[in-house]
Each structure stands twice: as C-alpha cells, then as structure tokens.
Amino acid sequence: ANLALSRRYPSRGEYILVLQGNLANCLDNLGRRDEALVLEREIYARQMAVQGLNKDSIISGLNLAASLGKSQLWDEAKALTRDRLLPAALQLLGADHHLTLTLNL
C-alpha cells in the first residue's frame, strides 16, 4: 500500500525539487542567470543522488544544459548533453522518445 501511495503522491523532497526548479526559472526570467545556474546545478546533483538516472533526472539535466547554454558555457553544456544525458535517454527511454530526440538536436 505504501508503494502505491508513494507512486501516486510525490514525497516532500520531490516537491522541494519542483519548487526549486520553479525558483530557478523565475531567477532566469529576471535575468539573474548566475543564481539560476547555481540552483540548476544543485537540483541536478540532488536528483542524481536521490533517484539516479531516470526520466526526471534527464529533464533536470536538460534544464541544467539550457542554463549552461544561456551562460555561454558551451563546452560544459555539450559534455553534459552528449556524454551523460543522451546515452541515458537512449538506454532508458529509447531512440524515439521526445526527450531523446531533443538531446539529439
């Protein structure tokens, strides 16, 4: 029963990650890209530590890559996308999934 409930209702930690992601988006929209980037890095690291590689961590990685690109950190964004996210997306989601296709752009 607990497993069914945990799948249906996100944990407090998952809510915090979602809220931090919203905060990072707000900071980015306000032009505070450096602060948004720090937060995106924290979100991705925490996502990987808590859940490992899964769809949510790939999405967090994509958000981080976008923030890196906006900060003109091209090499880091490219390395994250090509070396970590794309192989994970291919393995977990398949070649035809929209996230995998996005990573191939």
N, C-alpha and C. Protein backbone atom coordinates (compact mmCIF):
# COMPACT_ATOMS: atom_id res chain seq x y z
N ALA A 1 0.83 -1.19 0.00
CA ALA A 1 0.00 0.00 0.00
C ALA A 1 0.87 1.26 0.00
N ASN A 2 1.95 1.23 0.79
CA ASN A 2 2.84 2.39 0.83
C ASN A 2 3.49 2.66 -0.52
N LEU A 3 3.86 1.60 -1.23
CA LEU A 3 4.47 1.76 -2.55
C LEU A 3 3.48 2.41 -3.51
N ALA A 4 2.24 1.97 -3.48
CA ALA A 4 1.22 2.56 -4.35
C ALA A 4 1.02 4.03 -4.03
N LEU A 5 1.00 4.36 -2.74
CA LEU A 5 0.83 5.76 -2.35
C LEU A 5 2.03 6.60 -2.75
N SER A 6 3.24 6.04 -2.59
CA SER A 6 4.43 6.82 -2.93
C SER A 6 4.51 7.06 -4.43
N ARG A 7 3.97 6.18 -5.23
CA ARG A 7 3.95 6.40 -6.68
C ARG A 7 2.91 7.43 -7.08
N ARG A 8 1.83 7.49 -6.32
CA ARG A 8 0.74 8.41 -6.64
C ARG A 8 1.01 9.83 -6.13
N TYR A 9 1.61 9.93 -4.96
CA TYR A 9 1.84 11.23 -4.34
C TYR A 9 3.33 11.46 -4.15
N PRO A 10 3.86 12.52 -4.73
CA PRO A 10 5.29 12.79 -4.60
C PRO A 10 5.68 13.04 -3.14
N SER A 11 6.92 12.72 -2.83
CA SER A 11 7.43 12.95 -1.48
C SER A 11 7.73 14.44 -1.28
N ARG A 12 7.99 14.79 -0.05
CA ARG A 12 8.33 16.18 0.27
C ARG A 12 9.58 16.61 -0.49
N GLY A 13 10.57 15.71 -0.58
CA GLY A 13 11.79 16.03 -1.31
C GLY A 13 11.53 16.31 -2.78
N GLU A 14 10.61 15.55 -3.38
CA GLU A 14 10.28 15.79 -4.79
C GLU A 14 9.60 17.14 -4.96
N TYR A 15 8.73 17.50 -4.03
CA TYR A 15 8.09 18.82 -4.08
C TYR A 15 9.13 19.93 -3.98
N ILE A 16 10.11 19.73 -3.11
CA ILE A 16 11.15 20.74 -2.94
C ILE A 16 11.92 20.93 -4.24
N LEU A 17 12.25 19.82 -4.93
CA LEU A 17 12.96 19.92 -6.20
C LEU A 17 12.12 20.66 -7.24
N VAL A 18 10.83 20.40 -7.26
CA VAL A 18 9.95 21.10 -8.20
C VAL A 18 9.92 22.59 -7.87
N LEU A 19 9.79 22.92 -6.59
CA LEU A 19 9.76 24.32 -6.19
C LEU A 19 11.08 25.02 -6.50
N GLN A 20 12.19 24.32 -6.29
CA GLN A 20 13.48 24.92 -6.62
C GLN A 20 13.62 25.12 -8.13
N GLY A 21 13.08 24.21 -8.90
CA GLY A 21 13.09 24.38 -10.35
C GLY A 21 12.28 25.60 -10.76
N ASN A 22 11.14 25.79 -10.13
CA ASN A 22 10.33 26.99 -10.41
C ASN A 22 11.07 28.25 -10.03
N LEU A 23 11.76 28.21 -8.91
CA LEU A 23 12.55 29.36 -8.47
C LEU A 23 13.68 29.65 -9.47
N ALA A 24 14.34 28.60 -9.95
CA ALA A 24 15.41 28.79 -10.94
C ALA A 24 14.84 29.44 -12.21
N ASN A 25 13.66 29.01 -12.63
CA ASN A 25 13.02 29.63 -13.80
C ASN A 25 12.72 31.10 -13.56
N CYS A 26 12.23 31.41 -12.38
CA CYS A 26 11.93 32.82 -12.05
C CYS A 26 13.21 33.66 -12.06
N LEU A 27 14.26 33.13 -11.45
CA LEU A 27 15.53 33.86 -11.43
C LEU A 27 16.04 34.09 -12.85
N ASP A 28 15.93 33.08 -13.70
CA ASP A 28 16.37 33.22 -15.08
C ASP A 28 15.53 34.28 -15.80
N ASN A 29 14.23 34.26 -15.58
CA ASN A 29 13.35 35.25 -16.22
C ASN A 29 13.65 36.67 -15.76
N LEU A 30 14.18 36.81 -14.56
CA LEU A 30 14.55 38.12 -14.03
C LEU A 30 15.95 38.54 -14.46
N GLY A 31 16.61 37.68 -15.25
CA GLY A 31 17.96 38.00 -15.71
C GLY A 31 19.04 37.64 -14.71
N ARG A 32 18.69 36.92 -13.67
CA ARG A 32 19.65 36.52 -12.64
C ARG A 32 20.16 35.12 -12.96
N ARG A 33 20.82 35.02 -14.11
CA ARG A 33 21.22 33.72 -14.66
C ARG A 33 22.25 33.00 -13.81
N ASP A 34 23.16 33.75 -13.18
CA ASP A 34 24.17 33.10 -12.35
C ASP A 34 23.53 32.37 -11.17
N GLU A 35 22.55 33.01 -10.55
CA GLU A 35 21.86 32.38 -9.42
C GLU A 35 21.02 31.19 -9.89
N ALA A 36 20.39 31.35 -11.05
CA ALA A 36 19.60 30.25 -11.62
C ALA A 36 20.49 29.06 -11.93
N LEU A 37 21.68 29.31 -12.45
CA LEU A 37 22.60 28.24 -12.80
C LEU A 37 23.06 27.47 -11.56
N VAL A 38 23.36 28.18 -10.49
CA VAL A 38 23.74 27.53 -9.24
C VAL A 38 22.62 26.60 -8.77
N LEU A 39 21.40 27.09 -8.83
CA LEU A 39 20.26 26.30 -8.39
C LEU A 39 20.03 25.10 -9.31
N GLU A 40 20.16 25.28 -10.61
CA GLU A 40 20.00 24.16 -11.55
C GLU A 40 21.05 23.08 -11.29
N ARG A 41 22.28 23.49 -10.98
CA ARG A 41 23.32 22.51 -10.66
C ARG A 41 22.94 21.71 -9.41
N GLU A 42 22.44 22.40 -8.39
CA GLU A 42 22.03 21.74 -7.16
C GLU A 42 20.88 20.76 -7.40
N ILE A 43 19.92 21.19 -8.19
CA ILE A 43 18.76 20.34 -8.49
C ILE A 43 19.21 19.06 -9.20
N TYR A 44 20.05 19.22 -10.21
CA TYR A 44 20.51 18.05 -10.96
C TYR A 44 21.32 17.11 -10.06
N ALA A 45 22.21 17.66 -9.26
CA ALA A 45 23.02 16.83 -8.37
C ALA A 45 22.14 16.09 -7.37
N ARG A 46 21.17 16.78 -6.80
CA ARG A 46 20.29 16.14 -5.82
C ARG A 46 19.42 15.08 -6.49
N GLN A 47 18.93 15.38 -7.69
CA GLN A 47 18.11 14.42 -8.43
C GLN A 47 18.91 13.13 -8.69
N MET A 48 20.16 13.29 -9.11
CA MET A 48 21.00 12.13 -9.38
C MET A 48 21.30 11.36 -8.10
N ALA A 49 21.54 12.06 -7.01
CA ALA A 49 21.86 11.41 -5.75
C ALA A 49 20.67 10.63 -5.19
N VAL A 50 19.49 11.20 -5.34
CA VAL A 50 18.29 10.59 -4.75
C VAL A 50 17.71 9.51 -5.65
N GLN A 51 17.58 9.80 -6.94
CA GLN A 51 16.86 8.89 -7.82
C GLN A 51 17.75 8.20 -8.85
N GLY A 52 18.97 8.65 -9.02
CA GLY A 52 19.81 8.08 -10.07
C GLY A 52 19.29 8.49 -11.44
N LEU A 53 19.72 7.76 -12.44
CA LEU A 53 19.29 8.08 -13.80
C LEU A 53 17.86 7.60 -14.03
N ASN A 54 17.00 8.54 -14.33
CA ASN A 54 15.62 8.24 -14.70
C ASN A 54 15.10 9.42 -15.53
N LYS A 55 13.85 9.37 -15.90
CA LYS A 55 13.29 10.43 -16.75
C LYS A 55 13.39 11.80 -16.07
N ASP A 56 13.12 11.87 -14.78
CA ASP A 56 13.17 13.15 -14.06
C ASP A 56 14.59 13.72 -14.03
N SER A 57 15.58 12.85 -13.82
CA SER A 57 16.96 13.35 -13.79
C SER A 57 17.42 13.79 -15.18
N ILE A 58 16.91 13.15 -16.21
CA ILE A 58 17.23 13.59 -17.58
C ILE A 58 16.63 14.97 -17.83
N ILE A 59 15.41 15.19 -17.38
CA ILE A 59 14.77 16.50 -17.52
C ILE A 59 15.56 17.55 -16.74
N SER A 60 15.98 17.22 -15.51
CA SER A 60 16.79 18.15 -14.73
C SER A 60 18.10 18.46 -15.43
N GLY A 61 18.69 17.44 -16.03
CA GLY A 61 19.92 17.64 -16.80
C GLY A 61 19.71 18.53 -18.01
N LEU A 62 18.58 18.37 -18.68
CA LEU A 62 18.26 19.25 -19.82
C LEU A 62 18.10 20.69 -19.36
N ASN A 63 17.45 20.88 -18.21
CA ASN A 63 17.31 22.23 -17.67
C ASN A 63 18.67 22.83 -17.35
N LEU A 64 19.54 22.02 -16.76
CA LEU A 64 20.90 22.49 -16.45
C LEU A 64 21.64 22.83 -17.73
N ALA A 65 21.54 21.98 -18.74
CA ALA A 65 22.21 22.24 -20.02
C ALA A 65 21.72 23.54 -20.64
N ALA A 66 20.42 23.81 -20.54
CA ALA A 66 19.87 25.06 -21.07
C ALA A 66 20.45 26.25 -20.31
N SER A 67 20.55 26.14 -19.00
CA SER A 67 21.12 27.22 -18.20
C SER A 67 22.60 27.43 -18.52
N LEU A 68 23.31 26.33 -18.73
CA LEU A 68 24.72 26.44 -19.12
C LEU A 68 24.85 27.14 -20.46
N GLY A 69 23.97 26.82 -21.39
CA GLY A 69 23.99 27.48 -22.70
C GLY A 69 23.70 28.96 -22.59
N LYS A 70 22.72 29.33 -21.78
CA LYS A 70 22.39 30.75 -21.59
C LYS A 70 23.55 31.51 -20.97
N SER A 71 24.36 30.79 -20.18
CA SER A 71 25.54 31.41 -19.56
C SER A 71 26.78 31.29 -20.45
N GLN A 72 26.58 30.83 -21.66
CA GLN A 72 27.63 30.66 -22.67
C GLN A 72 28.73 29.70 -22.22
N LEU A 73 28.36 28.71 -21.43
CA LEU A 73 29.27 27.66 -21.02
C LEU A 73 29.05 26.46 -21.95
N TRP A 74 29.37 26.68 -23.22
CA TRP A 74 29.04 25.73 -24.29
C TRP A 74 29.69 24.37 -24.09
N ASP A 75 30.97 24.36 -23.74
CA ASP A 75 31.68 23.09 -23.61
C ASP A 75 31.08 22.22 -22.51
N GLU A 76 30.73 22.84 -21.40
CA GLU A 76 30.13 22.09 -20.30
C GLU A 76 28.73 21.60 -20.67
N ALA A 77 27.96 22.45 -21.35
CA ALA A 77 26.62 22.05 -21.79
C ALA A 77 26.70 20.89 -22.77
N LYS A 78 27.65 20.98 -23.70
CA LYS A 78 27.81 19.93 -24.71
C LYS A 78 28.25 18.62 -24.05
N ALA A 79 29.20 18.69 -23.12
CA ALA A 79 29.67 17.48 -22.44
C ALA A 79 28.54 16.82 -21.65
N LEU A 80 27.77 17.60 -20.93
CA LEU A 80 26.65 17.07 -20.16
C LEU A 80 25.65 16.39 -21.08
N THR A 81 25.32 17.06 -22.16
CA THR A 81 24.31 16.54 -23.08
C THR A 81 24.80 15.29 -23.79
N ARG A 82 25.96 15.36 -24.39
CA ARG A 82 26.46 14.24 -25.21
C ARG A 82 26.99 13.07 -24.39
N ASP A 83 27.66 13.35 -23.28
CA ASP A 83 28.32 12.29 -22.52
C ASP A 83 27.44 11.63 -21.47
N ARG A 84 26.50 12.38 -20.90
CA ARG A 84 25.69 11.83 -19.82
C ARG A 84 24.23 11.64 -20.22
N LEU A 85 23.61 12.73 -20.70
CA LEU A 85 22.16 12.70 -20.88
C LEU A 85 21.72 11.87 -22.08
N LEU A 86 22.37 12.05 -23.22
CA LEU A 86 21.96 11.31 -24.41
C LEU A 86 22.09 9.80 -24.23
N PRO A 87 23.23 9.29 -23.73
CA PRO A 87 23.30 7.83 -23.52
C PRO A 87 22.24 7.32 -22.53
N ALA A 88 21.98 8.09 -21.48
CA ALA A 88 20.96 7.68 -20.51
C ALA A 88 19.58 7.68 -21.15
N ALA A 89 19.27 8.69 -21.94
CA ALA A 89 17.96 8.77 -22.59
C ALA A 89 17.78 7.63 -23.58
N LEU A 90 18.82 7.33 -24.34
CA LEU A 90 18.73 6.21 -25.28
C LEU A 90 18.47 4.90 -24.56
N GLN A 91 19.17 4.68 -23.46
CA GLN A 91 19.02 3.44 -22.71
C GLN A 91 17.66 3.34 -22.02
N LEU A 92 17.26 4.42 -21.35
CA LEU A 92 16.05 4.37 -20.52
C LEU A 92 14.77 4.64 -21.29
N LEU A 93 14.83 5.53 -22.28
CA LEU A 93 13.61 5.99 -22.93
C LEU A 93 13.46 5.50 -24.37
N GLY A 94 14.58 5.18 -24.99
CA GLY A 94 14.53 4.73 -26.38
C GLY A 94 14.80 5.88 -27.34
N ALA A 95 15.16 5.51 -28.56
CA ALA A 95 15.56 6.49 -29.57
C ALA A 95 14.43 7.38 -30.05
N ASP A 96 13.19 6.94 -29.92
CA ASP A 96 12.06 7.70 -30.45
C ASP A 96 11.35 8.57 -29.41
N HIS A 97 11.82 8.55 -28.17
CA HIS A 97 11.20 9.38 -27.13
C HIS A 97 11.52 10.86 -27.38
N HIS A 98 10.60 11.74 -27.06
CA HIS A 98 10.78 13.17 -27.35
C HIS A 98 11.99 13.76 -26.63
N LEU A 99 12.31 13.29 -25.43
CA LEU A 99 13.48 13.81 -24.73
C LEU A 99 14.78 13.39 -25.44
N THR A 100 14.82 12.14 -25.90
CA THR A 100 15.98 11.66 -26.63
C THR A 100 16.15 12.45 -27.92
N LEU A 101 15.05 12.70 -28.61
CA LEU A 101 15.10 13.47 -29.85
C LEU A 101 15.56 14.90 -29.58
N THR A 102 15.13 15.47 -28.47
CA THR A 102 15.57 16.83 -28.10
C THR A 102 17.08 16.85 -27.86
N LEU A 103 17.59 15.82 -27.22
CA LEU A 103 19.03 15.75 -26.94
C LEU A 103 19.85 15.57 -28.20
N ASN A 104 19.25 15.05 -29.23
CA ASN A 104 19.98 14.84 -30.49
C ASN A 104 20.08 16.09 -31.35
N LEU A 105 19.42 17.17 -30.96
CA LEU A 105 19.46 18.40 -31.77
C LEU A 105 20.80 19.04 -31.77
